[in-house]
Amino acid sequence: MGKTKINWLSSPVDNDYISAERYLSLLFKPRKCRKLLQKLRAAPMSEYPAKDILRASRTAMSEVAAFDWSHHQCRSGSGLTFGHGL
């Protein structure tokens, strides 16, 4: 079985920021949340290996293996396309 090419979106979509705002609102007061979201929108894109992101999030690998990834993928003509997922 060949390796599937993954095509990342060139920039975050509005839903990514909405999700980030929802998460941040659980951690911070509304004013702080708005300021963080403004900084997030202005920040340049960056890329990290998935293993580093998972390690930083303290996500157990058993949770990642059990996750149903099929709901977070969409096929394009040249492979799988994923959103950035803030």
PDB file of N, CA and C in Angstrom:
ATOM      1  N   MET A   1       0.845  -1.182   0.000  1.00  0.00           N
ATOM      2  CA  MET A   1       0.000   0.000   0.000  1.00  0.00           C
ATOM      3  C   MET A   1       0.887   1.241   0.000  1.00  0.00           C
ATOM      4  N   GLY A   2       0.665   2.135  -0.955  1.00  0.00           N
ATOM      5  CA  GLY A   2       1.473   3.336  -1.069  1.00  0.00           C
ATOM      6  C   GLY A   2       1.122   4.380  -0.031  1.00  0.00           C
ATOM      7  N   LYS A   3       2.031   5.290   0.147  1.00  0.00           N
ATOM      8  CA  LYS A   3       1.810   6.362   1.107  1.00  0.00           C
ATOM      9  C   LYS A   3       0.859   7.396   0.516  1.00  0.00           C
ATOM     10  N   THR A   4      -0.122   7.834   1.288  1.00  0.00           N
ATOM     11  CA  THR A   4      -1.084   8.835   0.837  1.00  0.00           C
ATOM     12  C   THR A   4      -0.499  10.228   1.005  1.00  0.00           C
ATOM     13  N   LYS A   5      -0.611  11.023  -0.030  1.00  0.00           N
ATOM     14  CA  LYS A   5      -0.132  12.403   0.044  1.00  0.00           C
ATOM     15  C   LYS A   5      -1.163  13.245   0.795  1.00  0.00           C
ATOM     16  N   ILE A   6      -0.702  14.040   1.743  1.00  0.00           N
ATOM     17  CA  ILE A   6      -1.582  14.930   2.503  1.00  0.00           C
ATOM     18  C   ILE A   6      -1.385  16.352   1.999  1.00  0.00           C
ATOM     19  N   ASN A   7      -2.479  17.010   1.645  1.00  0.00           N
ATOM     20  CA  ASN A   7      -2.443  18.398   1.190  1.00  0.00           C
ATOM     21  C   ASN A   7      -3.016  19.286   2.283  1.00  0.00           C
ATOM     22  N   TRP A   8      -2.178  20.071   2.924  1.00  0.00           N
ATOM     23  CA  TRP A   8      -2.645  20.980   3.971  1.00  0.00           C
ATOM     24  C   TRP A   8      -3.216  22.231   3.327  1.00  0.00           C
ATOM     25  N   LEU A   9      -4.204  22.804   3.954  1.00  0.00           N
ATOM     26  CA  LEU A   9      -4.743  24.076   3.482  1.00  0.00           C
ATOM     27  C   LEU A   9      -3.672  25.141   3.649  1.00  0.00           C
ATOM     28  N   SER A  10      -3.691  26.152   2.810  1.00  0.00           N
ATOM     29  CA  SER A  10      -2.647  27.186   2.851  1.00  0.00           C
ATOM     30  C   SER A  10      -2.814  28.155   4.018  1.00  0.00           C
ATOM     31  N   SER A  11      -4.024  28.232   4.574  1.00  0.00           N
ATOM     32  CA  SER A  11      -4.257  29.108   5.725  1.00  0.00           C
ATOM     33  C   SER A  11      -5.423  28.560   6.537  1.00  0.00           C
ATOM     34  N   PRO A  12      -5.512  28.951   7.804  1.00  0.00           N
ATOM     35  CA  PRO A  12      -6.628  28.481   8.632  1.00  0.00           C
ATOM     36  C   PRO A  12      -7.964  28.988   8.089  1.00  0.00           C
ATOM     37  N   VAL A  13      -8.997  28.218   8.290  1.00  0.00           N
ATOM     38  CA  VAL A  13     -10.346  28.634   7.899  1.00  0.00           C
ATOM     39  C   VAL A  13     -11.040  29.229   9.122  1.00  0.00           C
ATOM     40  N   ASP A  14     -12.117  29.967   8.899  1.00  0.00           N
ATOM     41  CA  ASP A  14     -12.816  30.630  10.003  1.00  0.00           C
ATOM     42  C   ASP A  14     -13.233  29.664  11.104  1.00  0.00           C
ATOM     43  N   ASN A  15     -13.630  28.448  10.741  1.00  0.00           N
ATOM     44  CA  ASN A  15     -14.020  27.469  11.753  1.00  0.00           C
ATOM     45  C   ASN A  15     -12.888  27.160  12.725  1.00  0.00           C
ATOM     46  N   ASP A  16     -11.637  27.220  12.242  1.00  0.00           N
ATOM     47  CA  ASP A  16     -10.496  26.980  13.128  1.00  0.00           C
ATOM     48  C   ASP A  16     -10.450  28.035  14.235  1.00  0.00           C
ATOM     49  N   TYR A  17     -10.702  29.285  13.865  1.00  0.00           N
ATOM     50  CA  TYR A  17     -10.678  30.354  14.860  1.00  0.00           C
ATOM     51  C   TYR A  17     -11.865  30.278  15.810  1.00  0.00           C
ATOM     52  N   ILE A  18     -13.008  29.857  15.290  1.00  0.00           N
ATOM     53  CA  ILE A  18     -14.187  29.683  16.143  1.00  0.00           C
ATOM     54  C   ILE A  18     -13.915  28.595  17.178  1.00  0.00           C
ATOM     55  N   SER A  19     -13.315  27.503  16.736  1.00  0.00           N
ATOM     56  CA  SER A  19     -12.971  26.421  17.661  1.00  0.00           C
ATOM     57  C   SER A  19     -11.952  26.884  18.694  1.00  0.00           C
ATOM     58  N   ALA A  20     -10.975  27.641  18.257  1.00  0.00           N
ATOM     59  CA  ALA A  20      -9.964  28.151  19.189  1.00  0.00           C
ATOM     60  C   ALA A  20     -10.603  29.077  20.217  1.00  0.00           C
ATOM     61  N   GLU A  21     -11.517  29.920  19.760  1.00  0.00           N
ATOM     62  CA  GLU A  21     -12.194  30.836  20.677  1.00  0.00           C
ATOM     63  C   GLU A  21     -13.016  30.065  21.717  1.00  0.00           C
ATOM     64  N   ARG A  22     -13.697  29.032  21.284  1.00  0.00           N
ATOM     65  CA  ARG A  22     -14.477  28.218  22.224  1.00  0.00           C
ATOM     66  C   ARG A  22     -13.573  27.590  23.280  1.00  0.00           C
ATOM     67  N   TYR A  23     -12.453  27.060  22.847  1.00  0.00           N
ATOM     68  CA  TYR A  23     -11.524  26.440  23.786  1.00  0.00           C
ATOM     69  C   TYR A  23     -10.947  27.478  24.745  1.00  0.00           C
ATOM     70  N   LEU A  24     -10.484  28.590  24.198  1.00  0.00           N
ATOM     71  CA  LEU A  24      -9.891  29.634  25.039  1.00  0.00           C
ATOM     72  C   LEU A  24     -10.897  30.205  26.034  1.00  0.00           C
ATOM     73  N   SER A  25     -12.172  30.247  25.643  1.00  0.00           N
ATOM     74  CA  SER A  25     -13.197  30.783  26.552  1.00  0.00           C
ATOM     75  C   SER A  25     -13.401  29.887  27.770  1.00  0.00           C
ATOM     76  N   LEU A  26     -12.982  28.633  27.667  1.00  0.00           N
ATOM     77  CA  LEU A  26     -13.045  27.741  28.828  1.00  0.00           C
ATOM     78  C   LEU A  26     -11.927  28.026  29.823  1.00  0.00           C
ATOM     79  N   LEU A  27     -10.862  28.652  29.333  1.00  0.00           N
ATOM     80  CA  LEU A  27      -9.673  28.874  30.160  1.00  0.00           C
ATOM     81  C   LEU A  27      -9.518  30.309  30.655  1.00  0.00           C
ATOM     82  N   PHE A  28     -10.052  31.264  29.889  1.00  0.00           N
ATOM     83  CA  PHE A  28      -9.813  32.672  30.177  1.00  0.00           C
ATOM     84  C   PHE A  28     -11.113  33.479  30.203  1.00  0.00           C
ATOM     85  N   LYS A  29     -11.041  34.635  30.824  1.00  0.00           N
ATOM     86  CA  LYS A  29     -12.174  35.566  30.827  1.00  0.00           C
ATOM     87  C   LYS A  29     -12.339  36.121  29.411  1.00  0.00           C
ATOM     88  N   PRO A  30     -13.552  36.606  29.069  1.00  0.00           N
ATOM     89  CA  PRO A  30     -13.835  37.051  27.690  1.00  0.00           C
ATOM     90  C   PRO A  30     -12.831  38.056  27.127  1.00  0.00           C
ATOM     91  N   ARG A  31     -12.431  39.028  27.908  1.00  0.00           N
ATOM     92  CA  ARG A  31     -11.505  40.049  27.397  1.00  0.00           C
ATOM     93  C   ARG A  31     -10.154  39.431  27.025  1.00  0.00           C
ATOM     94  N   LYS A  32      -9.631  38.587  27.885  1.00  0.00           N
ATOM     95  CA  LYS A  32      -8.358  37.922  27.631  1.00  0.00           C
ATOM     96  C   LYS A  32      -8.490  36.993  26.420  1.00  0.00           C
ATOM     97  N   CYS A  33      -9.607  36.317  26.329  1.00  0.00           N
ATOM     98  CA  CYS A  33      -9.868  35.419  25.211  1.00  0.00           C
ATOM     99  C   CYS A  33      -9.838  36.191  23.887  1.00  0.00           C
ATOM    100  N   ARG A  34     -10.494  37.344  23.828  1.00  0.00           N
ATOM    101  CA  ARG A  34     -10.511  38.162  22.599  1.00  0.00           C
ATOM    102  C   ARG A  34      -9.097  38.611  22.226  1.00  0.00           C
ATOM    103  N   LYS A  35      -8.302  39.011  23.223  1.00  0.00           N
ATOM    104  CA  LYS A  35      -6.930  39.455  22.938  1.00  0.00           C
ATOM    105  C   LYS A  35      -6.081  38.308  22.396  1.00  0.00           C
ATOM    106  N   LEU A  36      -6.236  37.131  22.981  1.00  0.00           N
ATOM    107  CA  LEU A  36      -5.483  35.975  22.502  1.00  0.00           C
ATOM    108  C   LEU A  36      -5.895  35.596  21.085  1.00  0.00           C
ATOM    109  N   LEU A  37      -7.170  35.684  20.798  1.00  0.00           N
ATOM    110  CA  LEU A  37      -7.661  35.361  19.464  1.00  0.00           C
ATOM    111  C   LEU A  37      -7.125  36.356  18.431  1.00  0.00           C
ATOM    112  N   GLN A  38      -7.050  37.628  18.784  1.00  0.00           N
ATOM    113  CA  GLN A  38      -6.479  38.633  17.877  1.00  0.00           C
ATOM    114  C   GLN A  38      -5.020  38.297  17.578  1.00  0.00           C
ATOM    115  N   LYS A  39      -4.279  37.916  18.609  1.00  0.00           N
ATOM    116  CA  LYS A  39      -2.869  37.549  18.420  1.00  0.00           C
ATOM    117  C   LYS A  39      -2.748  36.296  17.560  1.00  0.00           C
ATOM    118  N   LEU A  40      -3.639  35.362  17.777  1.00  0.00           N
ATOM    119  CA  LEU A  40      -3.625  34.128  17.003  1.00  0.00           C
ATOM    120  C   LEU A  40      -3.878  34.404  15.526  1.00  0.00           C
ATOM    121  N   ARG A  41      -4.842  35.264  15.237  1.00  0.00           N
ATOM    122  CA  ARG A  41      -5.141  35.615  13.839  1.00  0.00           C
ATOM    123  C   ARG A  41      -3.959  36.328  13.178  1.00  0.00           C
ATOM    124  N   ALA A  42      -3.209  37.106  13.932  1.00  0.00           N
ATOM    125  CA  ALA A  42      -2.089  37.872  13.377  1.00  0.00           C
ATOM    126  C   ALA A  42      -0.793  37.064  13.293  1.00  0.00           C
ATOM    127  N   ALA A  43      -0.746  35.952  13.983  1.00  0.00           N
ATOM    128  CA  ALA A  43       0.488  35.161  14.041  1.00  0.00           C
ATOM    129  C   ALA A  43       0.762  34.470  12.709  1.00  0.00           C
ATOM    130  N   PRO A  44       2.045  34.336  12.365  1.00  0.00           N
ATOM    131  CA  PRO A  44       2.375  33.604  11.139  1.00  0.00           C
ATOM    132  C   PRO A  44       2.112  32.107  11.318  1.00  0.00           C
ATOM    133  N   MET A  45       1.917  31.413  10.211  1.00  0.00           N
ATOM    134  CA  MET A  45       1.724  29.963  10.250  1.00  0.00           C
ATOM    135  C   MET A  45       3.038  29.297  10.664  1.00  0.00           C
ATOM    136  N   SER A  46       2.924  28.199  11.364  1.00  0.00           N
ATOM    137  CA  SER A  46       4.098  27.416  11.712  1.00  0.00           C
ATOM    138  C   SER A  46       3.754  25.938  11.595  1.00  0.00           C
ATOM    139  N   GLU A  47       4.760  25.115  11.388  1.00  0.00           N
ATOM    140  CA  GLU A  47       4.549  23.682  11.217  1.00  0.00           C
ATOM    141  C   GLU A  47       5.430  22.921  12.195  1.00  0.00           C
ATOM    142  N   TYR A  48       4.846  21.874  12.765  1.00  0.00           N
ATOM    143  CA  TYR A  48       5.561  21.004  13.690  1.00  0.00           C
ATOM    144  C   TYR A  48       5.177  19.562  13.395  1.00  0.00           C
ATOM    145  N   PRO A  49       6.086  18.627  13.639  1.00  0.00           N
ATOM    146  CA  PRO A  49       5.710  17.220  13.479  1.00  0.00           C
ATOM    147  C   PRO A  49       4.579  16.863  14.451  1.00  0.00           C
ATOM    148  N   ALA A  50       3.680  16.000  14.013  1.00  0.00           N
ATOM    149  CA  ALA A  50       2.533  15.603  14.840  1.00  0.00           C
ATOM    150  C   ALA A  50       2.983  15.062  16.191  1.00  0.00           C
ATOM    151  N   LYS A  51       4.081  14.317  16.213  1.00  0.00           N
ATOM    152  CA  LYS A  51       4.532  13.738  17.481  1.00  0.00           C
ATOM    153  C   LYS A  51       4.884  14.829  18.493  1.00  0.00           C
ATOM    154  N   ASP A  52       5.414  15.950  18.029  1.00  0.00           N
ATOM    155  CA  ASP A  52       5.753  17.049  18.940  1.00  0.00           C
ATOM    156  C   ASP A  52       4.501  17.730  19.480  1.00  0.00           C
ATOM    157  N   ILE A  53       3.486  17.888  18.625  1.00  0.00           N
ATOM    158  CA  ILE A  53       2.234  18.502  19.063  1.00  0.00           C
ATOM    159  C   ILE A  53       1.544  17.610  20.081  1.00  0.00           C
ATOM    160  N   LEU A  54       1.520  16.310  19.811  1.00  0.00           N
ATOM    161  CA  LEU A  54       0.900  15.376  20.756  1.00  0.00           C
ATOM    162  C   LEU A  54       1.651  15.351  22.086  1.00  0.00           C
ATOM    163  N   ARG A  55       2.953  15.380  22.018  1.00  0.00           N
ATOM    164  CA  ARG A  55       3.759  15.392  23.245  1.00  0.00           C
ATOM    165  C   ARG A  55       3.474  16.658  24.055  1.00  0.00           C
ATOM    166  N   ALA A  56       3.397  17.800  23.389  1.00  0.00           N
ATOM    167  CA  ALA A  56       3.133  19.068  24.080  1.00  0.00           C
ATOM    168  C   ALA A  56       1.733  19.099  24.680  1.00  0.00           C
ATOM    169  N   SER A  57       0.780  18.434  24.028  1.00  0.00           N
ATOM    170  CA  SER A  57      -0.593  18.431  24.525  1.00  0.00           C
ATOM    171  C   SER A  57      -0.811  17.385  25.613  1.00  0.00           C
ATOM    172  N   ARG A  58       0.217  16.572  25.850  1.00  0.00           N
ATOM    173  CA  ARG A  58       0.151  15.492  26.845  1.00  0.00           C
ATOM    174  C   ARG A  58      -0.970  14.504  26.531  1.00  0.00           C
ATOM    175  N   THR A  59      -1.185  14.291  25.245  1.00  0.00           N
ATOM    176  CA  THR A  59      -2.190  13.328  24.794  1.00  0.00           C
ATOM    177  C   THR A  59      -1.576  11.935  24.790  1.00  0.00           C
ATOM    178  N   ALA A  60      -2.257  10.997  25.420  1.00  0.00           N
ATOM    179  CA  ALA A  60      -1.772   9.616  25.452  1.00  0.00           C
ATOM    180  C   ALA A  60      -1.882   9.010  24.056  1.00  0.00           C
ATOM    181  N   MET A  61      -0.856   8.293  23.638  1.00  0.00           N
ATOM    182  CA  MET A  61      -0.870   7.683  22.314  1.00  0.00           C
ATOM    183  C   MET A  61      -2.017   6.693  22.156  1.00  0.00           C
ATOM    184  N   SER A  62      -2.461   6.078  23.244  1.00  0.00           N
ATOM    185  CA  SER A  62      -3.599   5.159  23.156  1.00  0.00           C
ATOM    186  C   SER A  62      -4.867   5.901  22.744  1.00  0.00           C
ATOM    187  N   GLU A  63      -5.005   7.162  23.139  1.00  0.00           N
ATOM    188  CA  GLU A  63      -6.160   7.959  22.727  1.00  0.00           C
ATOM    189  C   GLU A  63      -6.090   8.294  21.238  1.00  0.00           C
ATOM    190  N   VAL A  64      -4.896   8.550  20.753  1.00  0.00           N
ATOM    191  CA  VAL A  64      -4.715   8.886  19.335  1.00  0.00           C
ATOM    192  C   VAL A  64      -5.018   7.670  18.478  1.00  0.00           C
ATOM    193  N   ALA A  65      -4.542   6.500  18.894  1.00  0.00           N
ATOM    194  CA  ALA A  65      -4.762   5.279  18.128  1.00  0.00           C
ATOM    195  C   ALA A  65      -6.249   4.922  18.073  1.00  0.00           C
ATOM    196  N   ALA A  66      -7.000   5.230  19.142  1.00  0.00           N
ATOM    197  CA  ALA A  66      -8.415   4.879  19.209  1.00  0.00           C
ATOM    198  C   ALA A  66      -9.311   5.913  18.521  1.00  0.00           C
ATOM    199  N   PHE A  67      -8.782   7.074  18.160  1.00  0.00           N
ATOM    200  CA  PHE A  67      -9.563   8.152  17.556  1.00  0.00           C
ATOM    201  C   PHE A  67      -9.978   7.773  16.140  1.00  0.00           C
ATOM    202  N   ASP A  68     -11.202   8.063  15.769  1.00  0.00           N
ATOM    203  CA  ASP A  68     -11.695   7.779  14.424  1.00  0.00           C
ATOM    204  C   ASP A  68     -11.355   8.953  13.511  1.00  0.00           C
ATOM    205  N   TRP A  69     -10.246   8.865  12.795  1.00  0.00           N
ATOM    206  CA  TRP A  69      -9.751   9.952  11.959  1.00  0.00           C
ATOM    207  C   TRP A  69     -10.571  10.139  10.691  1.00  0.00           C
ATOM    208  N   SER A  70     -11.384   9.169  10.322  1.00  0.00           N
ATOM    209  CA  SER A  70     -12.112   9.253   9.054  1.00  0.00           C
ATOM    210  C   SER A  70     -13.086  10.429   8.996  1.00  0.00           C
ATOM    211  N   HIS A  71     -13.538  10.915  10.133  1.00  0.00           N
ATOM    212  CA  HIS A  71     -14.459  12.058  10.144  1.00  0.00           C
ATOM    213  C   HIS A  71     -13.740  13.390   9.931  1.00  0.00           C
ATOM    214  N   HIS A  72     -12.415  13.383   9.953  1.00  0.00           N
ATOM    215  CA  HIS A  72     -11.643  14.621   9.856  1.00  0.00           C
ATOM    216  C   HIS A  72     -10.834  14.699   8.570  1.00  0.00           C
ATOM    217  N   GLN A  73     -11.200  13.900   7.604  1.00  0.00           N
ATOM    218  CA  GLN A  73     -10.492  13.875   6.339  1.00  0.00           C
ATOM    219  C   GLN A  73     -11.478  14.082   5.194  1.00  0.00           C
ATOM    220  N   CYS A  74     -11.015  14.691   4.146  1.00  0.00           N
ATOM    221  CA  CYS A  74     -11.826  14.731   2.931  1.00  0.00           C
ATOM    222  C   CYS A  74     -10.897  14.453   1.761  1.00  0.00           C
ATOM    223  N   ARG A  75     -11.347  13.696   0.824  1.00  0.00           N
ATOM    224  CA  ARG A  75     -10.514  13.316  -0.314  1.00  0.00           C
ATOM    225  C   ARG A  75     -10.527  14.406  -1.382  1.00  0.00           C
ATOM    226  N   SER A  76      -9.347  14.662  -1.899  1.00  0.00           N
ATOM    227  CA  SER A  76      -9.239  15.536  -3.058  1.00  0.00           C
ATOM    228  C   SER A  76      -8.638  14.687  -4.169  1.00  0.00           C
ATOM    229  N   GLY A  77      -8.524  15.229  -5.325  1.00  0.00           N
ATOM    230  CA  GLY A  77      -7.986  14.453  -6.454  1.00  0.00           C
ATOM    231  C   GLY A  77      -6.565  13.983  -6.231  1.00  0.00           C
ATOM    232  N   SER A  78      -5.801  14.680  -5.407  1.00  0.00           N
ATOM    233  CA  SER A  78      -4.398  14.322  -5.233  1.00  0.00           C
ATOM    234  C   SER A  78      -4.083  13.806  -3.841  1.00  0.00           C
ATOM    235  N   GLY A  79      -5.065  13.343  -3.107  1.00  0.00           N
ATOM    236  CA  GLY A  79      -4.790  12.773  -1.801  1.00  0.00           C
ATOM    237  C   GLY A  79      -5.768  13.293  -0.749  1.00  0.00           C
ATOM    238  N   LEU A  80      -5.380  13.203   0.502  1.00  0.00           N
ATOM    239  CA  LEU A  80      -6.207  13.656   1.599  1.00  0.00           C
ATOM    240  C   LEU A  80      -5.944  15.121   1.898  1.00  0.00           C
ATOM    241  N   THR A  81      -6.974  15.858   2.253  1.00  0.00           N
ATOM    242  CA  THR A  81      -6.822  17.259   2.602  1.00  0.00           C
ATOM    243  C   THR A  81      -7.261  17.439   4.055  1.00  0.00           C
ATOM    244  N   PHE A  82      -6.449  18.081   4.844  1.00  0.00           N
ATOM    245  CA  PHE A  82      -6.730  18.327   6.237  1.00  0.00           C
ATOM    246  C   PHE A  82      -6.714  19.824   6.511  1.00  0.00           C
ATOM    247  N   GLY A  83      -7.569  20.277   7.416  1.00  0.00           N
ATOM    248  CA  GLY A  83      -7.484  21.647   7.888  1.00  0.00           C
ATOM    249  C   GLY A  83      -6.348  21.733   8.887  1.00  0.00           C
ATOM    250  N   HIS A  84      -5.923  22.917   9.240  1.00  0.00           N
ATOM    251  CA  HIS A  84      -4.829  23.071  10.190  1.00  0.00           C
ATOM    252  C   HIS A  84      -5.250  22.698  11.599  1.00  0.00           C
ATOM    253  N   GLY A  85      -6.417  22.893  11.937  1.00  0.00           N
ATOM    254  CA  GLY A  85      -6.809  22.532  13.250  1.00  0.00           C
ATOM    255  C   GLY A  85      -6.114  23.238  14.363  1.00  0.00           C
ATOM    256  N   LEU A  86      -6.424  24.484  14.630  1.00  0.00           N
ATOM    257  CA  LEU A  86      -5.800  25.293  15.655  1.00  0.00           C
ATOM    258  C   LEU A  86      -5.949  24.568  16.939  1.00  0.00           C
TER     259      LEU A  86
END
